[in-house]
Protein backbone atom coordinates (compact mmCIF):
# COMPACT_ATOMS: atom_id res chain seq x y z
CA MET A 1 -23.40 11.10 30.34
CA VAL A 2 -21.42 13.55 28.20
CA SER A 3 -21.80 17.12 29.43
CA LYS A 4 -24.30 19.33 27.65
CA ILE A 5 -23.36 22.51 25.81
CA LYS A 6 -24.97 25.90 26.27
CA LEU A 7 -25.00 27.16 22.71
CA ASP A 8 -25.48 30.75 21.60
CA LEU A 9 -27.47 30.74 18.34
CA PHE A 10 -25.78 33.88 17.05
CA LYS A 11 -22.29 32.42 17.46
CA LEU A 12 -23.42 29.38 15.50
CA LYS A 13 -25.35 31.31 12.85
CA SER A 14 -25.34 35.10 12.59
CA LYS A 15 -28.65 36.93 12.61
CA GLU A 16 -27.89 38.38 9.16
CA ASP A 17 -27.13 34.92 7.70
CA LEU A 18 -30.26 33.40 9.25
CA ILE A 19 -32.45 36.11 7.74
CA GLY A 20 -30.61 35.97 4.40
CA VAL A 21 -30.99 32.20 4.02
CA TYR A 22 -34.64 32.37 5.10
CA LYS A 23 -35.36 35.00 2.43
CA PHE A 24 -33.42 33.02 -0.20
CA PHE A 25 -35.43 29.83 0.33
CA LYS A 26 -38.68 31.76 0.58
CA LYS A 27 -37.91 33.27 -2.83
CA GLN A 28 -36.97 29.83 -4.23
CA SER A 29 -40.28 28.36 -3.05
CA GLU A 30 -42.47 30.98 -4.72
CA LYS A 31 -42.68 28.89 -7.91
CA TRP A 32 -44.38 26.10 -5.94
CA PHE A 33 -47.41 28.27 -5.14
CA THR A 34 -50.11 30.21 -7.00
CA LYS A 35 -50.43 33.98 -6.68
CA SER A 36 -52.99 33.37 -3.93
CA ASN A 37 -50.37 31.26 -2.08
CA GLU A 38 -52.02 27.92 -2.78
CA PRO A 39 -49.77 24.90 -3.49
CA LYS A 40 -49.53 23.89 -7.15
CA ALA A 41 -50.44 20.26 -7.83
CA LYS A 42 -47.35 19.65 -10.01
CA TYR A 43 -45.11 20.19 -6.97
CA PHE A 44 -47.20 18.68 -4.18
CA PHE A 45 -49.15 15.56 -3.26
CA VAL A 46 -51.51 14.77 -0.39
CA SER A 47 -50.50 11.84 1.79
CA ASN A 48 -51.16 10.25 5.13
CA CYS A 49 -48.69 10.68 7.97
CA PRO A 50 -45.29 9.74 6.47
CA LEU A 51 -44.27 8.12 9.75
CA CYS A 52 -47.23 5.98 10.87
CA LEU A 53 -49.50 6.24 7.75
CA SER A 54 -52.53 7.40 9.75
CA ASP A 55 -54.96 9.54 7.76
CA ASP A 56 -56.23 11.35 10.87
CA SER A 57 -54.61 14.78 11.24
CA ASN A 58 -55.40 18.37 12.16
CA GLU A 59 -53.81 21.55 10.85
CA VAL A 60 -51.96 23.30 13.68
CA TYR A 61 -50.45 26.24 11.79
CA LYS A 62 -49.71 27.56 8.33
CA ILE A 63 -46.37 29.20 7.54
CA ASP A 64 -45.10 30.58 4.22
CA GLY A 65 -47.84 28.75 2.31
CA PHE A 66 -47.09 25.36 3.92
CA SER A 67 -49.77 23.74 6.07
CA TYR A 68 -48.44 21.80 9.08
CA HIS A 69 -50.59 18.97 10.41
CA GLU A 70 -50.40 17.03 13.64
CA CYS A 71 -50.92 13.29 13.29
CA GLN A 72 -53.56 12.17 15.77
CA SER A 73 -51.98 8.73 15.99
CA CYS A 74 -48.23 9.30 16.53
CA ASN A 75 -48.32 13.03 17.45
CA SER A 76 -45.70 13.95 14.85
CA LEU A 77 -46.08 16.97 12.56
CA TYR A 78 -45.80 17.01 8.78
CA THR A 79 -46.54 19.25 5.82
CA LYS A 80 -49.82 18.46 4.10
CA PRO A 81 -49.79 18.55 1.14
CA ASN A 82 -46.15 17.52 0.95
CA LEU A 83 -43.53 18.34 -1.67
CA ARG A 84 -43.05 15.60 -4.26
CA HIS A 85 -39.94 13.44 -3.95
CA ASP A 86 -38.39 14.75 -7.18
CA VAL A 87 -38.81 18.34 -5.97
CA LEU A 88 -37.09 17.50 -2.69
CA GLU A 89 -34.36 15.61 -4.52
CA SER A 90 -33.62 18.56 -6.78
CA LEU A 91 -32.99 20.83 -3.78
CA TYR A 92 -29.95 18.73 -2.90
CA SER A 93 -28.75 17.62 -6.32
CA ASP A 94 -28.90 21.00 -8.10
CA GLY A 95 -26.91 22.91 -5.47
CA THR A 96 -29.81 24.86 -3.96
CA TYR A 97 -29.27 23.38 -0.51
CA GLN A 98 -25.57 24.17 -0.83
CA VAL A 99 -26.52 27.80 -0.17
CA TYR A 100 -27.56 26.71 3.32
CA HIS A 101 -24.29 24.90 3.88
CA ASP A 102 -22.16 27.77 2.59
CA SER A 103 -24.04 30.45 4.52
CA LEU A 104 -24.77 28.74 7.82
CA VAL A 105 -22.29 25.89 8.19
CA LYS A 106 -18.97 26.95 6.71
CA THR A 107 -19.00 30.23 8.64
CA SER A 108 -19.05 28.40 11.99
CA LEU A 109 -17.02 25.34 11.01
CA ASP A 110 -14.50 25.69 13.85
CA LEU A 111 -17.27 25.83 16.47
CA ARG A 112 -19.16 22.97 14.87
CA LYS A 113 -16.14 20.74 14.48
CA GLY A 114 -14.30 21.62 17.68
CA VAL A 115 -17.33 21.51 19.94
CA LEU A 116 -20.50 20.05 18.38
CA GLU A 117 -18.93 17.27 16.30
CA GLU A 118 -16.58 16.34 19.14
CA ARG A 119 -19.55 15.99 21.49
CA LYS A 120 -21.39 13.72 19.03
CA HIS A 121 -18.31 11.53 18.82
CA SER A 122 -17.96 11.42 22.61
CA GLN A 123 -21.61 10.47 23.07
CA ILE A 124 -21.36 7.54 20.66
CA ASP A 125 -17.93 6.52 21.96
CA ALA A 126 -19.42 6.17 25.44
CA LEU A 127 -21.95 3.66 24.06
CA ILE A 128 -19.97 1.66 21.53
CA LYS A 129 -18.31 -1.59 22.59
CA CYS A 130 -15.60 -2.11 19.96
CA VAL A 131 -12.07 -0.67 19.82
CA LYS A 132 -12.06 0.58 16.20
CA PRO A 133 -15.69 1.17 15.19
CA SER A 134 -16.81 1.35 11.57
CA LEU A 135 -19.02 4.36 10.93
CA LEU A 136 -21.39 5.35 8.12
CA ASP A 137 -22.63 8.95 8.24
CA ILE A 138 -25.65 9.48 5.99
CA GLY A 139 -26.05 13.05 4.76
CA CYS A 140 -22.46 13.74 5.76
CA GLY A 141 -22.19 17.11 4.03
CA GLY A 142 -18.62 18.38 4.14
CA ALA A 143 -17.63 15.43 6.37
CA SER A 144 -16.45 17.40 9.42
CA PHE A 145 -18.04 14.84 11.77
CA LEU A 146 -16.43 11.99 9.85
CA ASP A 147 -13.05 13.68 10.10
CA VAL A 148 -13.38 13.99 13.90
CA CYS A 149 -14.18 10.27 14.14
CA LYS A 150 -11.39 9.36 11.72
CA LYS A 151 -8.86 11.26 13.84
CA ASN A 152 -10.05 9.22 16.81
CA GLY A 153 -9.17 5.98 15.01
CA TRP A 154 -12.55 5.05 13.56
CA GLU A 155 -13.05 3.58 10.07
CA VAL A 156 -15.38 6.03 8.34
CA GLU A 157 -17.48 6.38 5.19
CA GLY A 158 -20.20 8.80 4.20
CA VAL A 159 -23.22 9.17 1.95
CA ASP A 160 -24.40 12.48 0.51
CA PRO A 161 -26.52 13.51 -2.50
CA SER A 162 -24.39 16.58 -3.20
CA PRO A 163 -21.48 16.12 -5.66
CA SER A 164 -19.68 19.13 -4.17
CA SER A 165 -19.90 17.73 -0.62
CA ALA A 166 -18.52 14.39 -1.76
CA LYS A 167 -15.66 16.20 -3.48
CA VAL A 168 -14.83 18.20 -0.34
CA ALA A 169 -14.79 15.05 1.80
CA SER A 170 -12.46 13.32 -0.62
CA GLU A 171 -10.07 16.20 -1.30
CA LYS A 172 -9.96 17.81 2.14
CA TYR A 173 -10.17 14.79 4.44
CA ASN A 174 -9.41 11.79 2.19
CA ILE A 175 -12.71 10.20 3.23
CA LYS A 176 -14.77 7.93 1.00
CA VAL A 177 -18.24 9.33 0.33
CA HIS A 178 -20.87 7.51 -1.74
CA GLN A 179 -22.50 10.27 -3.76
CA GLY A 180 -26.22 9.88 -4.41
CA ASP A 181 -29.53 9.02 -2.77
CA PHE A 182 -28.97 6.67 0.18
CA MET A 183 -31.96 4.53 -0.82
CA ASP A 184 -30.41 3.90 -4.26
CA ILE A 185 -26.90 3.07 -3.05
CA GLU A 186 -25.85 -0.54 -2.46
CA LEU A 187 -23.49 -1.03 0.48
CA HIS A 188 -22.19 -4.58 0.79
CA LYS A 189 -21.05 -4.42 4.40
CA LYS A 190 -22.33 -3.70 7.89
CA PHE A 191 -21.30 -0.96 10.29
CA ASP A 192 -20.89 -0.60 14.05
CA VAL A 193 -22.32 2.93 13.98
CA ILE A 194 -24.67 4.66 11.53
CA THR A 195 -25.57 8.33 11.96
CA LEU A 196 -28.05 10.71 10.37
CA TRP A 197 -27.62 14.26 11.64
CA GLY A 198 -30.43 16.48 10.37
CA VAL A 199 -31.42 14.14 7.53
CA LEU A 200 -34.69 12.32 8.25
CA GLU A 201 -36.79 15.50 8.29
CA HIS A 202 -35.79 16.22 4.69
CA ILE A 203 -36.86 12.97 3.05
CA SER A 204 -40.27 11.68 2.01
CA ASP A 205 -40.07 8.21 3.58
CA PRO A 206 -38.00 8.20 6.80
CA VAL A 207 -39.31 4.82 7.93
CA SER A 208 -37.97 3.06 4.83
CA ALA A 209 -34.65 4.84 5.31
CA LEU A 210 -34.45 3.74 8.95
CA THR A 211 -35.37 0.17 7.98
CA LYS A 212 -32.50 0.10 5.49
CA VAL A 213 -30.16 1.63 8.08
CA VAL A 214 -30.96 -1.10 10.59
CA SER A 215 -30.27 -3.77 7.96
CA LEU A 216 -26.76 -2.31 7.57
CA LEU A 217 -26.12 -2.15 11.32
CA GLU A 218 -24.26 -4.82 13.25
CA VAL A 219 -26.12 -6.42 16.16
CA GLY A 220 -25.14 -4.38 19.20
CA GLY A 221 -24.34 -1.42 16.96
CA ILE A 222 -25.50 2.14 17.50
CA LEU A 223 -27.89 4.18 15.37
CA ALA A 224 -27.78 7.90 16.18
CA PHE A 225 -29.86 10.65 14.63
CA GLU A 226 -31.02 14.21 15.23
CA VAL A 227 -34.39 15.51 14.06
CA PRO A 228 -36.64 18.52 14.73
CA SER A 229 -39.03 17.85 17.59
CA ALA A 230 -42.83 17.94 17.33
CA ASP A 231 -43.05 18.27 21.11
CA CYS A 232 -40.86 21.33 21.63
CA PHE A 233 -41.47 24.67 23.32
CA LEU A 234 -40.99 26.52 20.03
CA GLY A 235 -43.64 24.40 18.33
CA LYS A 236 -46.11 25.09 21.14
CA TYR A 237 -45.33 28.80 20.85
CA LEU A 238 -46.02 28.69 17.10
CA ARG A 239 -49.44 27.19 17.70
CA LYS A 240 -50.41 30.17 19.81
CA TYR A 241 -48.42 32.97 18.15
CA ASN A 242 -48.02 32.14 14.47
CA PHE A 243 -44.97 33.71 12.80
CA SER A 244 -42.26 32.72 10.31
CA PRO A 245 -39.12 31.70 12.24
CA THR A 246 -35.78 31.87 10.44
CA ARG A 247 -34.88 28.34 11.59
CA TYR A 248 -36.58 25.16 12.91
CA ILE A 249 -39.52 25.27 10.45
CA GLU A 250 -37.34 25.86 7.36
CA SER A 251 -40.28 25.60 4.96
CA GLY A 252 -39.69 23.25 2.06
CA ARG A 253 -36.72 21.63 3.80
CA HIS A 254 -38.05 20.45 7.16
CA ASN A 255 -41.14 18.50 6.15
CA ILE A 256 -41.49 16.20 9.17
CA PHE A 257 -41.20 16.91 12.90
CA PHE A 258 -40.76 13.85 15.08
CA SER A 259 -42.57 13.11 18.33
CA LYS A 260 -41.10 11.19 21.22
CA LYS A 261 -44.03 8.79 20.86
CA PHE A 262 -43.05 7.95 17.29
CA ILE A 263 -39.37 7.53 18.20
CA GLU A 264 -40.31 5.01 20.90
CA ASN A 265 -42.68 3.21 18.52
CA ILE A 266 -40.17 2.89 15.67
CA ALA A 267 -37.48 1.71 18.07
CA ASN A 268 -39.76 -1.09 19.20
CA HIS A 269 -40.79 -1.94 15.62
CA LEU A 270 -37.18 -2.17 14.38
CA LYS A 271 -35.94 -4.06 17.47
CA LEU A 272 -33.84 -1.20 18.77
CA GLU A 273 -33.17 -0.33 22.38
CA LEU A 274 -33.37 3.35 23.30
CA GLU A 275 -30.05 4.18 24.97
CA LEU A 276 -30.46 7.95 25.22
CA ILE A 277 -32.74 10.72 24.04
CA GLU A 278 -32.04 14.37 24.69
CA SER A 279 -33.25 17.66 23.29
CA ASN A 280 -30.94 20.33 21.96
CA GLY A 281 -32.78 23.53 21.26
CA LEU A 282 -32.40 27.18 20.44
CA ASP A 283 -36.08 27.90 21.03
CA ILE A 284 -35.90 31.18 22.93
CA GLN A 285 -33.33 32.88 20.71
CA THR A 286 -35.26 31.73 17.63
CA ILE A 287 -38.38 33.42 18.96
CA LEU A 288 -36.70 36.63 20.12
CA MET A 289 -34.21 36.95 17.21
CA THR A 290 -32.47 39.74 19.13
CA GLU A 291 -28.91 39.92 20.37
CA PHE A 292 -28.56 41.04 23.97
CA ASP A 293 -25.78 41.95 26.38
CA THR A 294 -23.72 39.14 27.90
CA GLU A 295 -25.65 38.92 31.16
CA THR A 296 -29.06 38.73 29.46
CA THR A 297 -27.75 36.21 26.92
CA ASP A 298 -26.41 34.02 29.74
CA ASN A 299 -29.84 34.11 31.41
CA ILE A 300 -31.50 33.12 28.12
CA LEU A 301 -29.08 30.22 27.68
CA ASN A 302 -29.81 29.10 31.26
CA LEU A 303 -33.54 29.11 30.50
CA GLN A 304 -32.87 27.11 27.34
CA ASP A 305 -30.85 24.64 29.39
CA VAL A 306 -33.89 23.98 31.58
CA ILE A 307 -36.09 23.63 28.48
CA ASN A 308 -33.67 20.99 27.19
CA ASP A 309 -33.71 19.19 30.56
CA LEU A 310 -37.49 18.92 30.12
CA LEU A 311 -37.00 17.43 26.61
CA LEU A 312 -38.72 20.49 25.13
CA GLY A 313 -35.83 21.78 23.00
CA ASP A 314 -36.53 22.12 19.28
CA HIS A 315 -34.44 19.07 18.22
CA TYR A 316 -34.24 15.52 19.52
CA ARG A 317 -30.93 13.67 19.54
CA VAL A 318 -31.48 9.92 19.72
CA PHE A 319 -29.16 6.96 20.33
CA LEU A 320 -30.48 3.44 19.70
CA ARG A 321 -28.83 0.03 19.93
CA LYS A 322 -29.68 -2.88 17.61
CA ILE A 323 -30.66 -5.82 19.78
CA GLY A 324 -31.82 -8.36 17.23
């Protein structure tokens, strides 16, 4: 097993940037609601659970106008009503989501690439069985993960809806990126590895996306993804002490929170073998949103490490192998 990382939230994303991006998206979402903070029908629709299609759910909290429901069948969480697909699509195609990337990703690119992306590569490399794997990264953004894999001898391609991200990948790293919606893009080949880092929670039909992914994966190949967890400590805290966190919920962007039960169910349905599931969270620092002295911060990171050992961190990282 590749060693875990104790990650300080405020080295990854500054407190000022977290608050600034939260306020920016909150302002952007105002047009979706009435003056009494009710969702406008032109932007929303009511649906069953987007993961298992069950119509049995209970509201567990309401944040920034969005109602979050727990599915009584698969235990995942989702917004109900949910933003329409065209509204979600516009967030990524019109440059709105680029604000997130510029404010919270570019500023910590060295840490992300030198530590986080390298660890992702090492985790997959420990599972893959071929010498020069072919990789497709869906939602590749600025392609820093692809560049790490390319430098390690992998054959890499990406998919991203943002024209500016595709341009960066091409000009900075000389990496081929298919620009557009993954579900609309035809790829006439199969891959040894397909990854989706922080993608599935943003789209309206993750199951269809995963089904397409598996069809593009070689038998024995690895599917890896990271998604916000419905089972995490932070989520349980929100149920008891409702507030508006600057990350994790990300209203209007994170619309689905995945349960371990669903992950196991979809793996079985798509004939995938679960190789590894871990949680990577920043739960405590997200709740406290205060910077402390080094000793106190170290103690907080140690507590978070235990939370992750218990699979209660706010994101799941999942590695699955195609077996049929």
